[in-house]
C-alpha atoms as a PDB file:
ATOM      1  CA  MET A   1      22.818  77.336  31.831  1.00  0.00           C
ATOM      2  CA  ASN A   2      25.743  76.379  29.606  1.00  0.00           C
ATOM      3  CA  GLU A   3      26.768  78.406  26.557  1.00  0.00           C
ATOM      4  CA  LYS A   4      25.316  75.939  24.061  1.00  0.00           C
ATOM      5  CA  HIS A   5      21.891  76.118  25.661  1.00  0.00           C
ATOM      6  CA  ARG A   6      22.063  79.927  25.973  1.00  0.00           C
ATOM      7  CA  THR A   7      22.817  80.148  22.243  1.00  0.00           C
ATOM      8  CA  ARG A   8      19.905  77.857  21.431  1.00  0.00           C
ATOM      9  CA  VAL A   9      17.499  79.936  23.505  1.00  0.00           C
ATOM     10  CA  SER A  10      18.877  83.180  22.057  1.00  0.00           C
ATOM     11  CA  LYS A  11      18.293  81.953  18.513  1.00  0.00           C
ATOM     12  CA  ARG A  12      14.752  80.952  19.392  1.00  0.00           C
ATOM     13  CA  LEU A  13      14.104  84.368  20.894  1.00  0.00           C
ATOM     14  CA  SER A  14      15.531  86.079  17.803  1.00  0.00           C
ATOM     15  CA  ARG A  15      13.302  84.049  15.544  1.00  0.00           C
ATOM     16  CA  HIS A  16      10.082  84.836  17.363  1.00  0.00           C
ATOM     17  CA  LEU A  17      10.737  88.343  18.692  1.00  0.00           C
ATOM     18  CA  ARG A  18      12.083  89.548  15.338  1.00  0.00           C
ATOM     19  CA  HIS A  19      10.425  87.526  12.612  1.00  0.00           C
ATOM     20  CA  ASP A  20       7.718  85.069  13.645  1.00  0.00           C
ATOM     21  CA  PRO A  21       5.871  85.994  16.839  1.00  0.00           C
ATOM     22  CA  ALA A  22       2.784  84.154  15.592  1.00  0.00           C
ATOM     23  CA  GLY A  23       4.813  80.928  15.545  1.00  0.00           C
ATOM     24  CA  LEU A  24       4.664  81.032  19.343  1.00  0.00           C
ATOM     25  CA  GLY A  25       1.166  82.475  19.438  1.00  0.00           C
ATOM     26  CA  LEU A  26       2.511  85.916  20.376  1.00  0.00           C
ATOM     27  CA  THR A  27       1.698  89.407  19.139  1.00  0.00           C
ATOM     28  CA  LEU A  28       4.233  92.221  19.165  1.00  0.00           C
ATOM     29  CA  ALA A  29       2.874  95.344  20.821  1.00  0.00           C
ATOM     30  CA  PRO A  30       3.974  98.811  19.653  1.00  0.00           C
ATOM     31  CA  GLY A  31       7.659  99.105  20.396  1.00  0.00           C
ATOM     32  CA  GLY A  32       8.107  95.379  19.707  1.00  0.00           C
ATOM     33  CA  TRP A  33       7.270  94.453  23.300  1.00  0.00           C
ATOM     34  CA  VAL A  34       5.937  91.107  24.513  1.00  0.00           C
ATOM     35  CA  PRO A  35       4.942  90.310  28.109  1.00  0.00           C
ATOM     36  CA  VAL A  36       7.654  88.168  29.687  1.00  0.00           C
ATOM     37  CA  ALA A  37       5.035  85.889  31.249  1.00  0.00           C
ATOM     38  CA  ASP A  38       3.444  85.268  27.835  1.00  0.00           C
ATOM     39  CA  LEU A  39       6.828  84.504  26.257  1.00  0.00           C
ATOM     40  CA  LEU A  40       7.831  82.017  28.954  1.00  0.00           C
ATOM     41  CA  ALA A  41       4.450  80.275  28.770  1.00  0.00           C
ATOM     42  CA  ALA A  42       4.683  80.080  24.969  1.00  0.00           C
ATOM     43  CA  LEU A  43       8.187  78.605  25.105  1.00  0.00           C
ATOM     44  CA  THR A  44       6.989  75.974  27.580  1.00  0.00           C
ATOM     45  CA  ARG A  45       4.062  75.070  25.331  1.00  0.00           C
ATOM     46  CA  ASN A  46       6.508  74.633  22.463  1.00  0.00           C
ATOM     47  CA  ARG A  47       8.872  72.275  24.269  1.00  0.00           C
ATOM     48  CA  MET A  48      11.500  74.791  25.290  1.00  0.00           C
ATOM     49  CA  PRO A  49      10.828  75.573  28.935  1.00  0.00           C
ATOM     50  CA  VAL A  50      12.879  78.543  30.137  1.00  0.00           C
ATOM     51  CA  SER A  51      12.763  79.959  33.642  1.00  0.00           C
ATOM     52  CA  ARG A  52      12.736  83.689  34.363  1.00  0.00           C
ATOM     53  CA  ALA A  53      16.250  83.392  35.803  1.00  0.00           C
ATOM     54  CA  GLU A  54      17.450  81.670  32.644  1.00  0.00           C
ATOM     55  CA  LEU A  55      15.825  84.330  30.463  1.00  0.00           C
ATOM     56  CA  ASP A  56      17.558  87.026  32.492  1.00  0.00           C
ATOM     57  CA  GLU A  57      20.852  85.208  31.913  1.00  0.00           C
ATOM     58  CA  VAL A  58      20.335  84.965  28.148  1.00  0.00           C
ATOM     59  CA  VAL A  59      19.527  88.680  27.904  1.00  0.00           C
ATOM     60  CA  ALA A  60      22.403  89.760  30.148  1.00  0.00           C
ATOM     61  CA  LEU A  61      25.078  87.563  28.550  1.00  0.00           C
ATOM     62  CA  CYS A  62      24.153  88.081  24.893  1.00  0.00           C
ATOM     63  CA  ALA A  63      27.345  89.607  23.505  1.00  0.00           C
ATOM     64  CA  LYS A  64      25.430  91.671  20.952  1.00  0.00           C
ATOM     65  CA  GLN A  65      22.728  92.699  23.434  1.00  0.00           C
ATOM     66  CA  ARG A  66      19.984  91.644  21.052  1.00  0.00           C
ATOM     67  CA  PHE A  67      17.215  91.835  23.664  1.00  0.00           C
ATOM     68  CA  SER A  68      16.129  94.194  26.395  1.00  0.00           C
ATOM     69  CA  PHE A  69      13.541  94.439  29.157  1.00  0.00           C
ATOM     70  CA  ASP A  70      11.472  97.536  29.770  1.00  0.00           C
ATOM     71  CA  GLU A  71      11.989  99.520  32.962  1.00  0.00           C
ATOM     72  CA  THR A  72       9.436  97.368  34.809  1.00  0.00           C
ATOM     73  CA  GLY A  73      11.091  94.099  33.799  1.00  0.00           C
ATOM     74  CA  THR A  74       7.727  92.704  32.706  1.00  0.00           C
ATOM     75  CA  LEU A  75       8.162  93.255  28.947  1.00  0.00           C
ATOM     76  CA  ILE A  76      10.869  92.051  26.564  1.00  0.00           C
ATOM     77  CA  ARG A  77      11.743  92.860  22.968  1.00  0.00           C
ATOM     78  CA  ALA A  78      14.407  92.343  20.316  1.00  0.00           C
ATOM     79  CA  ASN A  79      16.334  95.582  19.977  1.00  0.00           C
ATOM     80  CA  GLN A  80      16.464  95.585  16.173  1.00  0.00           C
ATOM     81  CA  GLY A  81      16.541  93.297  13.133  1.00  0.00           C
ATOM     82  CA  HIS A  82      12.803  92.812  12.743  1.00  0.00           C
ATOM     83  CA  SER A  83      11.072  91.590   9.623  1.00  0.00           C
ATOM     84  CA  ALA A  84       7.705  91.252  11.406  1.00  0.00           C
ATOM     85  CA  ALA A  85       5.466  94.275  11.092  1.00  0.00           C
ATOM     86  CA  VAL A  86       6.086  96.462  14.132  1.00  0.00           C
ATOM     87  CA  ASP A  87       6.964 100.055  14.993  1.00  0.00           C
ATOM     88  CA  LEU A  88       9.834 100.059  17.480  1.00  0.00           C
ATOM     89  CA  GLU A  89       8.914 103.635  18.411  1.00  0.00           C
ATOM     90  CA  LEU A  90      12.536 104.719  18.519  1.00  0.00           C
ATOM     91  CA  PRO A  91      13.045 108.466  18.560  1.00  0.00           C
ATOM     92  CA  ASP A  92      14.925 110.136  15.729  1.00  0.00           C
ATOM     93  CA  ALA A  93      18.586 110.732  16.554  1.00  0.00           C
ATOM     94  CA  SER A  94      21.465 112.763  15.147  1.00  0.00           C
ATOM     95  CA  PRO A  95      24.128 110.344  13.881  1.00  0.00           C
ATOM     96  CA  PRO A  96      27.888 110.802  14.152  1.00  0.00           C
ATOM     97  CA  GLU A  97      29.769 112.061  11.120  1.00  0.00           C
ATOM     98  CA  ILE A  98      30.687 108.539   9.995  1.00  0.00           C
ATOM     99  CA  LEU A  99      29.042 105.159  10.541  1.00  0.00           C
ATOM    100  CA  TYR A 100      30.163 101.771   9.238  1.00  0.00           C
ATOM    101  CA  HIS A 101      28.570  98.824   7.467  1.00  0.00           C
ATOM    102  CA  GLY A 102      30.196  95.409   7.194  1.00  0.00           C
ATOM    103  CA  THR A 103      29.487  93.193   4.219  1.00  0.00           C
ATOM    104  CA  ALA A 104      31.244  90.777   1.858  1.00  0.00           C
ATOM    105  CA  THR A 105      33.144  91.769  -1.275  1.00  0.00           C
ATOM    106  CA  ARG A 106      30.840  89.756  -3.522  1.00  0.00           C
ATOM    107  CA  PHE A 107      27.984  92.139  -2.702  1.00  0.00           C
ATOM    108  CA  LEU A 108      29.817  95.298  -3.790  1.00  0.00           C
ATOM    109  CA  PRO A 109      28.497  95.406  -7.365  1.00  0.00           C
ATOM    110  CA  ALA A 110      24.878  95.454  -6.175  1.00  0.00           C
ATOM    111  CA  ILE A 111      25.703  97.959  -3.434  1.00  0.00           C
ATOM    112  CA  TRP A 112      27.347 100.429  -5.827  1.00  0.00           C
ATOM    113  CA  SER A 113      24.369 100.067  -8.125  1.00  0.00           C
ATOM    114  CA  GLU A 114      21.556 100.248  -5.562  1.00  0.00           C
ATOM    115  CA  GLY A 115      23.070 101.487  -2.302  1.00  0.00           C
ATOM    116  CA  LEU A 116      22.342  99.742   0.984  1.00  0.00           C
ATOM    117  CA  ARG A 117      18.772  98.517   1.284  1.00  0.00           C
ATOM    118  CA  PRO A 118      17.040  96.810   4.224  1.00  0.00           C
ATOM    119  CA  MET A 119      15.901  93.836   2.136  1.00  0.00           C
ATOM    120  CA  LYS A 120      13.518  91.853   4.386  1.00  0.00           C
ATOM    121  CA  ARG A 121      14.239  93.963   7.452  1.00  0.00           C
ATOM    122  CA  HIS A 122      12.757  97.293   8.426  1.00  0.00           C
ATOM    123  CA  ALA A 123      16.002  99.250   8.231  1.00  0.00           C
ATOM    124  CA  VAL A 124      19.628  99.171   7.184  1.00  0.00           C
ATOM    125  CA  HIS A 125      21.887  98.395  10.159  1.00  0.00           C
ATOM    126  CA  LEU A 126      24.968 100.553  10.693  1.00  0.00           C
ATOM    127  CA  SER A 127      27.730 100.227  13.287  1.00  0.00           C
ATOM    128  CA  PRO A 128      29.376 103.035  15.248  1.00  0.00           C
ATOM    129  CA  SER A 129      32.688 101.141  15.192  1.00  0.00           C
ATOM    130  CA  ARG A 130      34.789  99.798  12.346  1.00  0.00           C
ATOM    131  CA  GLU A 131      35.686  96.729  14.427  1.00  0.00           C
ATOM    132  CA  THR A 132      32.061  95.654  14.700  1.00  0.00           C
ATOM    133  CA  ALA A 133      31.568  96.162  10.971  1.00  0.00           C
ATOM    134  CA  VAL A 134      34.576  93.932  10.196  1.00  0.00           C
ATOM    135  CA  LYS A 135      33.079  91.154  12.327  1.00  0.00           C
ATOM    136  CA  VAL A 136      29.749  91.467  10.535  1.00  0.00           C
ATOM    137  CA  GLY A 137      31.407  91.337   7.116  1.00  0.00           C
ATOM    138  CA  THR A 138      33.460  88.288   8.073  1.00  0.00           C
ATOM    139  CA  ARG A 139      30.285  86.286   8.661  1.00  0.00           C
ATOM    140  CA  HIS A 140      29.311  86.742   5.010  1.00  0.00           C
ATOM    141  CA  GLY A 141      32.606  85.993   3.239  1.00  0.00           C
ATOM    142  CA  LYS A 142      35.685  88.073   2.484  1.00  0.00           C
ATOM    143  CA  PRO A 143      34.930  91.184   4.522  1.00  0.00           C
ATOM    144  CA  VAL A 144      34.802  94.746   3.371  1.00  0.00           C
ATOM    145  CA  VAL A 145      33.864  97.764   5.466  1.00  0.00           C
ATOM    146  CA  LEU A 146      31.842 100.600   3.983  1.00  0.00           C
ATOM    147  CA  THR A 147      31.907 104.043   5.529  1.00  0.00           C
ATOM    148  CA  VAL A 148      28.622 105.923   5.553  1.00  0.00           C
ATOM    149  CA  ALA A 149      28.563 109.740   5.485  1.00  0.00           C
ATOM    150  CA  ALA A 150      25.818 109.712   8.104  1.00  0.00           C
ATOM    151  CA  ALA A 151      25.961 113.355   9.179  1.00  0.00           C
ATOM    152  CA  GLU A 152      25.791 114.468   5.556  1.00  0.00           C
ATOM    153  CA  MET A 153      22.796 112.203   5.012  1.00  0.00           C
ATOM    154  CA  ALA A 154      21.060 113.692   8.053  1.00  0.00           C
ATOM    155  CA  GLU A 155      21.724 117.210   6.754  1.00  0.00           C
ATOM    156  CA  GLN A 156      19.944 116.224   3.546  1.00  0.00           C
ATOM    157  CA  GLY A 157      16.884 114.958   5.386  1.00  0.00           C
ATOM    158  CA  TYR A 158      17.561 111.264   5.906  1.00  0.00           C
ATOM    159  CA  VAL A 159      16.262 110.016   9.249  1.00  0.00           C
ATOM    160  CA  PHE A 160      18.220 107.893  11.734  1.00  0.00           C
ATOM    161  CA  GLN A 161      17.381 106.061  14.935  1.00  0.00           C
ATOM    162  CA  VAL A 162      19.613 104.172  17.329  1.00  0.00           C
ATOM    163  CA  SER A 163      18.525 100.951  19.051  1.00  0.00           C
ATOM    164  CA  ASP A 164      18.990 100.142  22.724  1.00  0.00           C
ATOM    165  CA  ASN A 165      22.109  98.127  21.892  1.00  0.00           C
ATOM    166  CA  GLY A 166      23.746 100.902  19.877  1.00  0.00           C
ATOM    167  CA  VAL A 167      22.947  99.823  16.318  1.00  0.00           C
ATOM    168  CA  TRP A 168      22.103 102.765  14.044  1.00  0.00           C
ATOM    169  CA  LEU A 169      19.105 102.341  11.760  1.00  0.00           C
ATOM    170  CA  THR A 170      18.035 104.143   8.594  1.00  0.00           C
ATOM    171  CA  ALA A 171      15.659 103.282   5.770  1.00  0.00           C
ATOM    172  CA  ALA A 172      18.348 103.103   3.049  1.00  0.00           C
ATOM    173  CA  VAL A 173      21.762 104.470   2.148  1.00  0.00           C
ATOM    174  CA  PRO A 174      22.222 105.723  -1.431  1.00  0.00           C
ATOM    175  CA  ALA A 175      25.550 104.785  -3.002  1.00  0.00           C
ATOM    176  CA  GLU A 176      26.760 108.389  -3.163  1.00  0.00           C
ATOM    177  CA  PHE A 177      27.087 108.414   0.640  1.00  0.00           C
ATOM    178  CA  LEU A 178      29.272 105.279   0.688  1.00  0.00           C
ATOM    179  CA  ALA A 179      33.008 104.700   0.466  1.00  0.00           C
ATOM    180  CA  THR A 180      35.077 101.586   1.031  1.00  0.00           C
ATOM    181  CA  GLU A 181      37.541 100.707   3.755  1.00  0.00           C
ATOM    182  CA  PHE A 182      39.350  97.406   3.328  1.00  0.00           C
ATOM    183  CA  PRO A 183      40.235  95.409   6.454  1.00  0.00           C
ATOM    184  CA  ALA A 184      43.378  94.041   4.814  1.00  0.00           C
ATOM    185  CA  THR A 185      45.806  96.335   2.982  1.00  0.00           C
ATOM    186  CA  GLU A 186      46.540  93.632   0.456  1.00  0.00           C
ATOM    187  CA  PHE A 187      42.893  93.358  -0.530  1.00  0.00           C
ATOM    188  CA  ARG A 188      42.919  96.057  -3.166  1.00  0.00           C
ATOM    189  CA  ALA A 189      45.775  94.479  -5.092  1.00  0.00           C
ATOM    190  CA  ALA A 190      44.447  90.967  -4.710  1.00  0.00           C
ATOM    191  CA  GLU A 191      40.818  91.648  -5.558  1.00  0.00           C
ATOM    192  CA  PHE A 192      40.828  94.715  -7.782  1.00  0.00           C
ATOM    193  CA  GLY A 193      44.003  94.112  -9.720  1.00  0.00           C
ATOM    194  CA  THR A 194      44.029  92.511 -13.144  1.00  0.00           C
ATOM    195  CA  ALA A 195      44.942  89.081 -11.797  1.00  0.00           C
ATOM    196  CA  GLY A 196      42.467  88.983  -8.919  1.00  0.00           C
ATOM    197  CA  PHE A 197      39.476  90.545 -10.607  1.00  0.00           C
ATOM    198  CA  GLY A 198      39.642  88.797 -13.944  1.00  0.00           C
ATOM    199  CA  THR A 199      37.990  85.820 -15.561  1.00  0.00           C
ATOM    200  CA  ALA A 200      37.857  83.610 -12.458  1.00  0.00           C
ATOM    201  CA  GLU A 201      35.247  85.737 -10.732  1.00  0.00           C
ATOM    202  CA  PHE A 202      33.589  88.087 -13.187  1.00  0.00           C
ATOM    203  CA  GLY A 203      35.008  87.375 -16.618  1.00  0.00           C
ATOM    204  CA  THR A 204      37.165  89.800 -18.582  1.00  0.00           C
ATOM    205  CA  ALA A 205      34.482  90.480 -21.159  1.00  0.00           C
ATOM    206  CA  GLU A 206      31.880  91.413 -18.546  1.00  0.00           C
ATOM    207  CA  PHE A 207      34.132  93.387 -16.223  1.00  0.00           C
ATOM    208  CA  GLY A 208      36.568  95.364 -18.284  1.00  0.00           C
ATOM    209  CA  THR A 209      38.537  98.372 -17.184  1.00  0.00           C
ATOM    210  CA  ALA A 210      35.948 100.758 -18.599  1.00  0.00           C
ATOM    211  CA  GLU A 211      33.297  99.358 -16.253  1.00  0.00           C
ATOM    212  CA  PHE A 212      35.337  99.695 -13.072  1.00  0.00           C
ATOM    213  CA  GLY A 213      33.728 102.996 -12.032  1.00  0.00           C
ATOM    214  CA  ARG A 214      30.657 103.065  -9.827  1.00  0.00           C
ATOM    215  CA  ALA A 215      28.317 103.611 -12.742  1.00  0.00           C
ATOM    216  CA  GLY A 216      29.306 100.364 -14.412  1.00  0.00           C
ATOM    217  CA  PHE A 217      30.129  98.423 -11.274  1.00  0.00           C
ATOM    218  CA  GLY A 218      26.500  97.528 -10.668  1.00  0.00           C
ATOM    219  CA  THR A 219      26.021  95.809 -14.029  1.00  0.00           C
ATOM    220  CA  VAL A 220      27.933  92.666 -13.208  1.00  0.00           C
ATOM    221  CA  GLY A 221      25.159  90.140 -12.774  1.00  0.00           C
ATOM    222  CA  LEU A 222      24.838  90.436  -8.992  1.00  0.00           C
ATOM    223  CA  GLY A 223      21.305  91.720  -8.620  1.00  0.00           C
ATOM    224  CA  ALA A 224      19.349  92.749  -5.570  1.00  0.00           C
ATOM    225  CA  ALA A 225      18.058  89.227  -5.007  1.00  0.00           C
ATOM    226  CA  GLN A 226      21.582  88.112  -4.143  1.00  0.00           C
ATOM    227  CA  PHE A 227      22.423  90.940  -1.760  1.00  0.00           C
ATOM    228  CA  ARG A 228      21.790  90.454   1.898  1.00  0.00           C
ATOM    229  CA  ASP A 229      22.332  93.103   4.494  1.00  0.00           C
ATOM    230  CA  GLY A 230      24.792  92.207   7.241  1.00  0.00           C
ATOM    231  CA  GLU A 231      23.409  91.630  10.699  1.00  0.00           C
ATOM    232  CA  GLU A 232      24.659  93.591  13.680  1.00  0.00           C
END
């Protein structure tokens, strides 16, 4: 199977194992599991025949390890990222002191106002490495990395799980547990200085110096409808 075809199959799996199982006539069992035999039969019925060997290849070579088999090899699931109603049955876990979230700079006003929210997904996705977070942010525009005080959140009662592919999940992250890390050192001067953060993007009247703090940062016309959580 060439890379182009693997990518096509992977995207189809993501669609139906995360978001639209009914589109293939499938039902997600608790844990998000689907019988491999049912999945392969459904793909064949929908004009995308995939052999078991090819499915094994897609799962094994997926760089982000989006899918996994159970210990018997007869069930498959997406590891995280679901919008379909399902309980992944992941155990609670104690997070490291700091986790990371990659996003784009244009989403910062809404984030400072509302924190990180799962939007259409079940949970906010957090990365254990800054490098992964940078890659996620790059897919959405000019990247910015947010640090999450995960251990402090856990101490205050927030619950975390970790998926089979190492993505940390939590219901939401309030803004007070967030801080920014910028991938490029020149970003602060370019984006937050007078020249870079003036009328071209936000307008001087709407984004004056007095509003630069977190309290006012969320008032700049970038509401929740425009914010989308990055995908790990």
